[in-house]
PDB file of N, CA and C in Angstrom:
ATOM      1  N   SER A   1       0.830  -1.182   0.000  1.00  0.00           N
ATOM      2  CA  SER A   1       0.000   0.000   0.000  1.00  0.00           C
ATOM      3  C   SER A   1       0.879   1.252   0.000  1.00  0.00           C
ATOM      4  N   GLY A   2       0.560   2.208  -0.855  1.00  0.00           N
ATOM      5  CA  GLY A   2       1.294   3.462  -0.912  1.00  0.00           C
ATOM      6  C   GLY A   2       2.661   3.369  -1.555  1.00  0.00           C
ATOM      7  N   SER A   3       2.968   2.254  -2.222  1.00  0.00           N
ATOM      8  CA  SER A   3       4.277   2.069  -2.839  1.00  0.00           C
ATOM      9  C   SER A   3       4.132   1.833  -4.339  1.00  0.00           C
ATOM     10  N   ALA A   4       5.096   2.335  -5.096  1.00  0.00           N
ATOM     11  CA  ALA A   4       5.134   2.099  -6.538  1.00  0.00           C
ATOM     12  C   ALA A   4       6.233   1.117  -6.909  1.00  0.00           C
ATOM     13  N   ASN A   5       6.948   0.594  -5.901  1.00  0.00           N
ATOM     14  CA  ASN A   5       8.032  -0.351  -6.158  1.00  0.00           C
ATOM     15  C   ASN A   5       7.476  -1.678  -6.657  1.00  0.00           C
ATOM     16  N   LEU A   6       8.166  -2.257  -7.619  1.00  0.00           N
ATOM     17  CA  LEU A   6       7.772  -3.554  -8.155  1.00  0.00           C
ATOM     18  C   LEU A   6       8.528  -4.660  -7.439  1.00  0.00           C
ATOM     19  N   SER A   7       7.826  -5.718  -7.101  1.00  0.00           N
ATOM     20  CA  SER A   7       8.484  -6.868  -6.482  1.00  0.00           C
ATOM     21  C   SER A   7       9.267  -7.630  -7.549  1.00  0.00           C
ATOM     22  N   GLN A   8      10.162  -8.499  -7.109  1.00  0.00           N
ATOM     23  CA  GLN A   8      10.914  -9.337  -8.044  1.00  0.00           C
ATOM     24  C   GLN A   8       9.970 -10.214  -8.855  1.00  0.00           C
ATOM     25  N   GLU A   9       8.932 -10.709  -8.216  1.00  0.00           N
ATOM     26  CA  GLU A   9       7.942 -11.543  -8.911  1.00  0.00           C
ATOM     27  C   GLU A   9       7.249 -10.739 -10.011  1.00  0.00           C
ATOM     28  N   ALA A  10       6.875  -9.503  -9.702  1.00  0.00           N
ATOM     29  CA  ALA A  10       6.225  -8.651 -10.705  1.00  0.00           C
ATOM     30  C   ALA A  10       7.170  -8.376 -11.868  1.00  0.00           C
ATOM     31  N   CYS A  11       8.430  -8.105 -11.575  1.00  0.00           N
ATOM     32  CA  CYS A  11       9.411  -7.850 -12.642  1.00  0.00           C
ATOM     33  C   CYS A  11       9.572  -9.067 -13.539  1.00  0.00           C
ATOM     34  N   SER A  12       9.552 -10.249 -12.958  1.00  0.00           N
ATOM     35  CA  SER A  12       9.664 -11.480 -13.726  1.00  0.00           C
ATOM     36  C   SER A  12       8.454 -11.659 -14.648  1.00  0.00           C
ATOM     37  N   ILE A  13       7.271 -11.397 -14.127  1.00  0.00           N
ATOM     38  CA  ILE A  13       6.054 -11.515 -14.931  1.00  0.00           C
ATOM     39  C   ILE A  13       6.062 -10.485 -16.057  1.00  0.00           C
ATOM     40  N   ILE A  14       6.449  -9.259 -15.751  1.00  0.00           N
ATOM     41  CA  ILE A  14       6.503  -8.204 -16.768  1.00  0.00           C
ATOM     42  C   ILE A  14       7.519  -8.562 -17.843  1.00  0.00           C
ATOM     43  N   SER A  15       8.633  -9.162 -17.442  1.00  0.00           N
ATOM     44  CA  SER A  15       9.634  -9.598 -18.414  1.00  0.00           C
ATOM     45  C   SER A  15       9.058 -10.649 -19.360  1.00  0.00           C
ATOM     46  N   ASP A  16       8.308 -11.587 -18.803  1.00  0.00           N
ATOM     47  CA  ASP A  16       7.664 -12.610 -19.635  1.00  0.00           C
ATOM     48  C   ASP A  16       6.669 -11.968 -20.611  1.00  0.00           C
ATOM     49  N   ILE A  17       5.900 -11.035 -20.114  1.00  0.00           N
ATOM     50  CA  ILE A  17       4.934 -10.329 -20.971  1.00  0.00           C
ATOM     51  C   ILE A  17       5.670  -9.536 -22.043  1.00  0.00           C
ATOM     52  N   GLY A  18       6.750  -8.875 -21.657  1.00  0.00           N
ATOM     53  CA  GLY A  18       7.546  -8.104 -22.617  1.00  0.00           C
ATOM     54  C   GLY A  18       8.090  -8.976 -23.734  1.00  0.00           C
ATOM     55  N   THR A  19       8.543 -10.173 -23.382  1.00  0.00           N
ATOM     56  CA  THR A  19       9.038 -11.110 -24.390  1.00  0.00           C
ATOM     57  C   THR A  19       7.924 -11.482 -25.360  1.00  0.00           C
ATOM     58  N   MET A  20       6.741 -11.768 -24.836  1.00  0.00           N
ATOM     59  CA  MET A  20       5.602 -12.109 -25.698  1.00  0.00           C
ATOM     60  C   MET A  20       5.206 -10.937 -26.590  1.00  0.00           C
ATOM     61  N   LEU A  21       5.169  -9.741 -26.016  1.00  0.00           N
ATOM     62  CA  LEU A  21       4.786  -8.559 -26.795  1.00  0.00           C
ATOM     63  C   LEU A  21       5.805  -8.266 -27.893  1.00  0.00           C
ATOM     64  N   GLY A  22       7.062  -8.578 -27.614  1.00  0.00           N
ATOM     65  CA  GLY A  22       8.110  -8.348 -28.600  1.00  0.00           C
ATOM     66  C   GLY A  22       7.943  -9.189 -29.852  1.00  0.00           C
ATOM     67  N   ASN A  23       7.188 -10.266 -29.742  1.00  0.00           N
ATOM     68  CA  ASN A  23       6.947 -11.147 -30.884  1.00  0.00           C
ATOM     69  C   ASN A  23       5.683 -10.797 -31.647  1.00  0.00           C
ATOM     70  N   LEU A  24       4.978  -9.756 -31.230  1.00  0.00           N
ATOM     71  CA  LEU A  24       3.721  -9.366 -31.864  1.00  0.00           C
ATOM     72  C   LEU A  24       3.892  -8.099 -32.688  1.00  0.00           C
ATOM     73  N   SER A  25       3.004  -7.940 -33.633  1.00  0.00           N
ATOM     74  CA  SER A  25       2.927  -6.690 -34.379  1.00  0.00           C
ATOM     75  C   SER A  25       1.847  -5.834 -33.716  1.00  0.00           C
ATOM     76  N   TYR A  26       2.188  -4.646 -33.328  1.00  0.00           N
ATOM     77  CA  TYR A  26       1.231  -3.774 -32.642  1.00  0.00           C
ATOM     78  C   TYR A  26       1.526  -2.325 -32.981  1.00  0.00           C
ATOM     79  N   SER A  27       0.537  -1.471 -32.786  1.00  0.00           N
ATOM     80  CA  SER A  27       0.745  -0.054 -33.062  1.00  0.00           C
ATOM     81  C   SER A  27       1.008   0.734 -31.781  1.00  0.00           C
ATOM     82  N   PHE A  28       0.458   0.266 -30.667  1.00  0.00           N
ATOM     83  CA  PHE A  28       0.741   0.914 -29.392  1.00  0.00           C
ATOM     84  C   PHE A  28       0.408  -0.041 -28.249  1.00  0.00           C
ATOM     85  N   ILE A  29       0.995   0.247 -27.112  1.00  0.00           N
ATOM     86  CA  ILE A  29       0.706  -0.506 -25.889  1.00  0.00           C
ATOM     87  C   ILE A  29       0.319   0.514 -24.828  1.00  0.00           C
ATOM     88  N   LEU A  30      -0.770   0.274 -24.165  1.00  0.00           N
ATOM     89  CA  LEU A  30      -1.242   1.162 -23.103  1.00  0.00           C
ATOM     90  C   LEU A  30      -0.889   0.546 -21.762  1.00  0.00           C
ATOM     91  N   VAL A  31      -0.166   1.288 -20.948  1.00  0.00           N
ATOM     92  CA  VAL A  31       0.179   0.847 -19.601  1.00  0.00           C
ATOM     93  C   VAL A  31      -0.576   1.741 -18.629  1.00  0.00           C
ATOM     94  N   GLU A  32      -1.388   1.127 -17.793  1.00  0.00           N
ATOM     95  CA  GLU A  32      -2.157   1.878 -16.803  1.00  0.00           C
ATOM     96  C   GLU A  32      -1.703   1.486 -15.407  1.00  0.00           C
ATOM     97  N   GLY A  33      -1.683   2.450 -14.509  1.00  0.00           N
ATOM     98  CA  GLY A  33      -1.376   2.172 -13.111  1.00  0.00           C
ATOM     99  C   GLY A  33      -2.634   2.291 -12.289  1.00  0.00           C
ATOM    100  N   HIS A  34      -2.724   1.485 -11.282  1.00  0.00           N
ATOM    101  CA  HIS A  34      -3.864   1.556 -10.383  1.00  0.00           C
ATOM    102  C   HIS A  34      -3.372   2.013  -9.025  1.00  0.00           C
ATOM    103  N   THR A  35      -4.278   2.492  -8.225  1.00  0.00           N
ATOM    104  CA  THR A  35      -3.890   3.046  -6.951  1.00  0.00           C
ATOM    105  C   THR A  35      -4.522   2.264  -5.807  1.00  0.00           C
ATOM    106  N   ASP A  36      -4.305   2.716  -4.613  1.00  0.00           N
ATOM    107  CA  ASP A  36      -4.872   2.089  -3.422  1.00  0.00           C
ATOM    108  C   ASP A  36      -6.284   2.610  -3.175  1.00  0.00           C
ATOM    109  N   SER A  37      -7.011   1.880  -2.382  1.00  0.00           N
ATOM    110  CA  SER A  37      -8.309   2.390  -1.929  1.00  0.00           C
ATOM    111  C   SER A  37      -8.112   3.381  -0.780  1.00  0.00           C
ATOM    112  N   ASP A  38      -6.922   3.340  -0.181  1.00  0.00           N
ATOM    113  CA  ASP A  38      -6.613   4.292   0.900  1.00  0.00           C
ATOM    114  C   ASP A  38      -6.140   5.604   0.292  1.00  0.00           C
ATOM    115  N   PRO A  39      -6.686   6.721   0.752  1.00  0.00           N
ATOM    116  CA  PRO A  39      -6.241   8.015   0.217  1.00  0.00           C
ATOM    117  C   PRO A  39      -4.804   8.326   0.645  1.00  0.00           C
ATOM    118  N   ILE A  40      -4.091   9.011  -0.247  1.00  0.00           N
ATOM    119  CA  ILE A  40      -2.740   9.473   0.073  1.00  0.00           C
ATOM    120  C   ILE A  40      -2.876  10.771   0.855  1.00  0.00           C
ATOM    121  N   ILE A  41      -2.263  10.817   1.998  1.00  0.00           N
ATOM    122  CA  ILE A  41      -2.247  12.027   2.814  1.00  0.00           C
ATOM    123  C   ILE A  41      -0.891  12.683   2.594  1.00  0.00           C
ATOM    124  N   GLY A  42      -0.877  13.987   2.322  1.00  0.00           N
ATOM    125  CA  GLY A  42       0.352  14.714   2.002  1.00  0.00           C
ATOM    126  C   GLY A  42       1.518  14.407   2.930  1.00  0.00           C
ATOM    127  N   GLY A  43       2.712  14.691   2.431  1.00  0.00           N
ATOM    128  CA  GLY A  43       3.908  14.513   3.231  1.00  0.00           C
ATOM    129  C   GLY A  43       4.715  13.280   2.880  1.00  0.00           C
ATOM    130  N   GLY A  44       4.174  12.412   2.023  1.00  0.00           N
ATOM    131  CA  GLY A  44       4.897  11.205   1.629  1.00  0.00           C
ATOM    132  C   GLY A  44       5.552  11.389   0.275  1.00  0.00           C
ATOM    133  N   LEU A  45       5.858  10.292  -0.364  1.00  0.00           N
ATOM    134  CA  LEU A  45       6.491  10.331  -1.684  1.00  0.00           C
ATOM    135  C   LEU A  45       5.540  10.821  -2.770  1.00  0.00           C
ATOM    136  N   PHE A  46       4.243  10.627  -2.568  1.00  0.00           N
ATOM    137  CA  PHE A  46       3.261  10.950  -3.588  1.00  0.00           C
ATOM    138  C   PHE A  46       2.282  12.004  -3.070  1.00  0.00           C
ATOM    139  N   LYS A  47       1.941  12.934  -3.963  1.00  0.00           N
ATOM    140  CA  LYS A  47       1.026  14.008  -3.562  1.00  0.00           C
ATOM    141  C   LYS A  47      -0.401  13.501  -3.381  1.00  0.00           C
ATOM    142  N   ASP A  48      -0.782  12.543  -4.198  1.00  0.00           N
ATOM    143  CA  ASP A  48      -2.140  12.017  -4.141  1.00  0.00           C
ATOM    144  C   ASP A  48      -2.179  10.665  -4.840  1.00  0.00           C
ATOM    145  N   ASN A  49      -3.350  10.060  -4.903  1.00  0.00           N
ATOM    146  CA  ASN A  49      -3.477   8.734  -5.493  1.00  0.00           C
ATOM    147  C   ASN A  49      -3.190   8.745  -6.992  1.00  0.00           C
ATOM    148  N   MET A  50      -3.464   9.841  -7.668  1.00  0.00           N
ATOM    149  CA  MET A  50      -3.149   9.944  -9.097  1.00  0.00           C
ATOM    150  C   MET A  50      -1.638   9.880  -9.299  1.00  0.00           C
ATOM    151  N   ASP A  51      -0.897  10.538  -8.443  1.00  0.00           N
ATOM    152  CA  ASP A  51       0.566  10.520  -8.505  1.00  0.00           C
ATOM    153  C   ASP A  51       1.095   9.098  -8.287  1.00  0.00           C
ATOM    154  N   LEU A  52       0.518   8.372  -7.334  1.00  0.00           N
ATOM    155  CA  LEU A  52       0.901   6.989  -7.068  1.00  0.00           C
ATOM    156  C   LEU A  52       0.596   6.113  -8.284  1.00  0.00           C
ATOM    157  N   SER A  53      -0.581   6.271  -8.847  1.00  0.00           N
ATOM    158  CA  SER A  53      -0.975   5.492 -10.018  1.00  0.00           C
ATOM    159  C   SER A  53      -0.022   5.732 -11.185  1.00  0.00           C
ATOM    160  N   SER A  54       0.346   6.984 -11.413  1.00  0.00           N
ATOM    161  CA  SER A  54       1.277   7.327 -12.499  1.00  0.00           C
ATOM    162  C   SER A  54       2.655   6.724 -12.266  1.00  0.00           C
ATOM    163  N   ALA A  55       3.109   6.744 -11.034  1.00  0.00           N
ATOM    164  CA  ALA A  55       4.421   6.164 -10.710  1.00  0.00           C
ATOM    165  C   ALA A  55       4.409   4.653 -10.939  1.00  0.00           C
ATOM    166  N   ARG A  56       3.333   4.000 -10.592  1.00  0.00           N
ATOM    167  CA  ARG A  56       3.231   2.554 -10.804  1.00  0.00           C
ATOM    168  C   ARG A  56       3.254   2.232 -12.291  1.00  0.00           C
ATOM    169  N   ALA A  57       2.495   2.979 -13.076  1.00  0.00           N
ATOM    170  CA  ALA A  57       2.478   2.760 -14.524  1.00  0.00           C
ATOM    171  C   ALA A  57       3.862   3.023 -15.111  1.00  0.00           C
ATOM    172  N   GLY A  58       4.518   4.076 -14.648  1.00  0.00           N
ATOM    173  CA  GLY A  58       5.858   4.399 -15.136  1.00  0.00           C
ATOM    174  C   GLY A  58       6.860   3.300 -14.857  1.00  0.00           C
ATOM    175  N   ASN A  59       6.775   2.692 -13.687  1.00  0.00           N
ATOM    176  CA  ASN A  59       7.703   1.616 -13.346  1.00  0.00           C
ATOM    177  C   ASN A  59       7.458   0.370 -14.189  1.00  0.00           C
ATOM    178  N   VAL A  60       6.208   0.073 -14.494  1.00  0.00           N
ATOM    179  CA  VAL A  60       5.905  -1.051 -15.390  1.00  0.00           C
ATOM    180  C   VAL A  60       6.431  -0.744 -16.786  1.00  0.00           C
ATOM    181  N   TRP A  61       6.225   0.479 -17.250  1.00  0.00           N
ATOM    182  CA  TRP A  61       6.714   0.900 -18.572  1.00  0.00           C
ATOM    183  C   TRP A  61       8.232   0.729 -18.650  1.00  0.00           C
ATOM    184  N   ARG A  62       8.942   1.157 -17.619  1.00  0.00           N
ATOM    185  CA  ARG A  62      10.405   1.038 -17.617  1.00  0.00           C
ATOM    186  C   ARG A  62      10.846  -0.422 -17.717  1.00  0.00           C
ATOM    187  N   GLU A  63      10.143  -1.315 -17.037  1.00  0.00           N
ATOM    188  CA  GLU A  63      10.472  -2.743 -17.123  1.00  0.00           C
ATOM    189  C   GLU A  63      10.229  -3.257 -18.540  1.00  0.00           C
ATOM    190  N   LEU A  64       9.166  -2.818 -19.187  1.00  0.00           N
ATOM    191  CA  LEU A  64       8.898  -3.232 -20.560  1.00  0.00           C
ATOM    192  C   LEU A  64       9.971  -2.699 -21.514  1.00  0.00           C
ATOM    193  N   VAL A  65      10.435  -1.496 -21.284  1.00  0.00           N
ATOM    194  CA  VAL A  65      11.499  -0.920 -22.112  1.00  0.00           C
ATOM    195  C   VAL A  65      12.766  -1.761 -21.980  1.00  0.00           C
ATOM    196  N   LYS A  66      13.055  -2.253 -20.786  1.00  0.00           N
ATOM    197  CA  LYS A  66      14.217  -3.123 -20.596  1.00  0.00           C
ATOM    198  C   LYS A  66      14.126  -4.385 -21.453  1.00  0.00           C
ATOM    199  N   CYS A  67      12.904  -4.778 -21.789  1.00  0.00           N
ATOM    200  CA  CYS A  67      12.676  -5.978 -22.612  1.00  0.00           C
ATOM    201  C   CYS A  67      12.743  -5.667 -24.100  1.00  0.00           C
ATOM    202  N   GLY A  68      12.975  -4.411 -24.440  1.00  0.00           N
ATOM    203  CA  GLY A  68      13.069  -4.025 -25.836  1.00  0.00           C
ATOM    204  C   GLY A  68      11.776  -3.535 -26.448  1.00  0.00           C
ATOM    205  N   ILE A  69      10.773  -3.332 -25.625  1.00  0.00           N
ATOM    206  CA  ILE A  69       9.487  -2.835 -26.134  1.00  0.00           C
ATOM    207  C   ILE A  69       9.591  -1.332 -26.363  1.00  0.00           C
TER     208      ILE A  69
END
């Protein structure tokens, strides 16, 4: 909760997905981040739940880029 860090298991799954996507013909890939049901209260790493969601999506995107996507 309240974290955008990816676990090793998540990175492994994203790598597998990236490998599969690399074998497909596509025009774009949409990466969406989801947030917590708990509201973000100021003073932490994220200003609000939208900021957390964007950070999560960004971290997934970066893992896909590592796979050559």
